[in-house]
Amino acid sequence: MKNYTISLVIILFCCYACSNDDDSNLNENNLDGEWNLAEILCYCDEIPTINEGEQVWEFETTPQNLKVVNAVSEPFLTSGDYGYTLQGDSLFIDNPDSTIPYKYKFSIESDTLRLEDEPELDGLILILVRN
C-alpha cells in the first residue's frame, strides 16, 4: 500500500509539473491592440533603424485581422490588412505574395511583443511596444 501511495504522489506531481500554465500569456487577448515597431535585431550587415510611430501594427481578435500603418521606405509589411492565426507560440501572418504565410515565434512580456523569424538562421527579431 505504501508503494502504491508513493507512486500516486509521484504521478500527480509529474502531471502538475507538466501543465501548460506557462503558456497562458501567449493568448490572443494579450495580442489585441496597437503596437509600435520599436527595434529590429538581426545578424545582418546593415541593421535597419526605425523610429517610433513609423510602423504601427494593430491586432484585432474578432475577426483575426492585423492592420499595418507604415511610413518607412523598406517595410517588413506594407500598409494594409492581413489575416493572422495563432498556434501555440507561433504567429502566422497572411502573405499576399505567396500561399505560405509569414511565421514568427512570439512572446509577450509586459508591454513588449517579440517576434522571431528564425534568428539562429540570420532571421529577424522584431520588437514591438504596446501603445
Protein backbone atom coordinates (compact mmCIF):
# COMPACT_ATOMS: atom_id res chain seq x y z
CA MET A 1 0.00 0.00 0.00
CA LYS A 2 2.88 2.35 0.81
CA ASN A 3 4.40 1.81 -2.67
CA TYR A 4 1.01 2.50 -4.28
CA THR A 5 0.64 5.80 -2.39
CA ILE A 6 4.17 6.92 -3.26
CA SER A 7 3.61 6.06 -6.93
CA LEU A 8 0.35 8.00 -6.95
CA VAL A 9 2.02 11.06 -5.40
CA ILE A 10 4.84 10.91 -7.98
CA ILE A 11 2.36 10.64 -10.88
CA LEU A 12 0.30 13.58 -9.58
CA PHE A 13 3.44 15.67 -9.11
CA CYS A 14 4.57 14.93 -12.69
CA CYS A 15 1.15 15.86 -14.08
CA TYR A 16 1.17 19.14 -12.20
CA ALA A 17 4.75 19.96 -13.22
CA CYS A 18 3.96 19.33 -16.90
CA SER A 19 0.87 21.53 -17.07
CA ASN A 20 0.72 24.25 -19.73
CA ASP A 21 0.06 27.13 -17.34
CA ASP A 22 3.30 28.75 -18.53
CA ASP A 23 1.71 29.35 -21.94
CA SER A 24 -1.20 31.35 -20.54
CA ASN A 25 0.42 34.66 -21.51
CA LEU A 26 0.51 33.60 -25.17
CA ASN A 27 -3.13 34.13 -25.96
CA GLU A 28 -4.94 36.22 -28.45
CA ASN A 29 -6.35 38.65 -25.90
CA ASN A 30 -2.85 39.77 -24.89
CA LEU A 31 -2.01 40.40 -28.55
CA ASP A 32 -5.10 42.57 -29.10
CA GLY A 33 -4.36 46.27 -29.56
CA GLU A 34 -1.91 48.65 -31.15
CA TRP A 35 1.85 48.04 -31.21
CA ASN A 36 4.74 50.25 -32.44
CA LEU A 37 7.66 48.57 -34.16
CA ALA A 38 10.45 49.84 -31.92
CA GLU A 39 13.55 47.81 -32.79
CA ILE A 40 14.87 45.39 -35.37
CA LEU A 41 17.57 42.91 -34.43
CA CYS A 42 19.46 40.66 -36.82
CA TYR A 43 22.88 39.36 -37.76
CA CYS A 44 22.84 41.48 -40.95
CA ASP A 45 25.49 43.69 -42.50
CA GLU A 46 23.19 46.66 -42.03
CA ILE A 47 20.59 46.71 -39.29
CA PRO A 48 17.62 48.79 -40.39
CA THR A 49 16.67 51.56 -37.99
CA ILE A 50 13.12 52.58 -37.30
CA ASN A 51 11.70 55.44 -35.29
CA GLU A 52 8.69 55.19 -33.01
CA GLY A 53 5.44 55.52 -34.91
CA GLU A 54 6.92 54.75 -38.35
CA GLN A 55 5.29 51.33 -38.38
CA VAL A 56 2.23 50.53 -36.28
CA TRP A 57 0.62 47.10 -36.08
CA GLU A 58 -2.93 46.83 -34.74
CA PHE A 59 -4.16 43.34 -33.90
CA GLU A 60 -7.91 42.76 -33.78
CA THR A 61 -9.05 39.47 -32.29
CA THR A 62 -12.55 39.32 -33.77
CA PRO A 63 -12.06 38.72 -36.64
CA GLN A 64 -8.37 37.90 -36.60
CA ASN A 65 -7.07 40.90 -38.52
CA LEU A 66 -3.77 42.77 -38.45
CA LYS A 67 -3.83 46.36 -39.70
CA VAL A 68 -0.43 47.80 -40.57
CA VAL A 69 0.21 51.52 -40.98
CA ASN A 70 3.66 52.04 -42.44
CA ALA A 71 5.67 55.22 -43.09
CA VAL A 72 9.08 53.71 -43.96
CA SER A 73 10.52 53.05 -47.40
CA GLU A 74 11.63 49.45 -46.76
CA PRO A 75 8.89 47.96 -44.64
CA PHE A 76 8.56 44.46 -43.35
CA LEU A 77 4.86 44.66 -44.06
CA THR A 78 3.34 47.27 -46.34
CA SER A 79 0.35 49.26 -45.12
CA GLY A 80 -2.84 47.24 -45.26
CA ASP A 81 -4.89 44.50 -43.64
CA TYR A 82 -3.59 40.96 -43.06
CA GLY A 83 -5.26 37.90 -41.61
CA TYR A 84 -3.39 36.04 -38.90
CA THR A 85 -3.65 32.88 -36.83
CA LEU A 86 -2.05 31.70 -33.61
CA GLN A 87 -0.84 28.17 -32.92
CA GLY A 88 0.89 27.75 -29.57
CA ASP A 89 3.75 30.25 -29.54
CA SER A 90 3.66 30.73 -33.33
CA LEU A 91 2.06 33.66 -35.13
CA PHE A 92 1.20 33.18 -38.81
CA ILE A 93 0.53 36.33 -40.86
CA ASP A 94 -1.00 36.03 -44.32
CA ASN A 95 1.46 36.78 -47.10
CA PRO A 96 -0.26 38.45 -50.07
CA ASP A 97 2.60 37.44 -52.39
CA SER A 98 2.56 33.74 -51.53
CA THR A 99 0.41 30.91 -50.24
CA ILE A 100 3.00 30.44 -47.46
CA PRO A 101 2.32 32.80 -44.54
CA TYR A 102 4.95 34.67 -42.58
CA LYS A 103 5.75 32.67 -39.45
CA TYR A 104 7.06 34.16 -36.23
CA LYS A 105 7.70 32.70 -32.80
CA PHE A 106 6.16 35.24 -30.47
CA SER A 107 6.29 36.13 -26.81
CA ILE A 108 4.75 38.92 -24.80
CA GLU A 109 6.35 40.27 -21.67
CA SER A 110 4.63 43.22 -20.05
CA ASP A 111 4.09 45.72 -22.90
CA THR A 112 6.70 44.23 -25.26
CA LEU A 113 5.94 41.88 -28.14
CA ARG A 114 8.89 39.91 -29.52
CA LEU A 115 8.57 38.29 -32.95
CA GLU A 116 11.36 35.95 -34.04
CA ASP A 117 11.87 34.75 -37.61
CA GLU A 118 14.48 32.02 -37.07
CA PRO A 119 17.25 34.28 -35.72
CA GLU A 120 19.54 31.26 -35.48
CA LEU A 121 19.47 31.26 -39.31
CA ASP A 122 20.12 35.02 -39.57
CA GLY A 123 16.41 35.83 -39.46
CA LEU A 124 14.98 38.95 -37.92
CA ILE A 125 13.78 39.70 -34.43
CA LEU A 126 11.14 42.42 -34.30
CA ILE A 127 10.48 44.20 -31.02
CA LEU A 128 7.12 45.96 -30.78
CA VAL A 129 5.91 48.07 -27.87
CA ARG A 130 2.25 48.46 -26.95
CA ASN A 131 0.78 51.94 -27.42
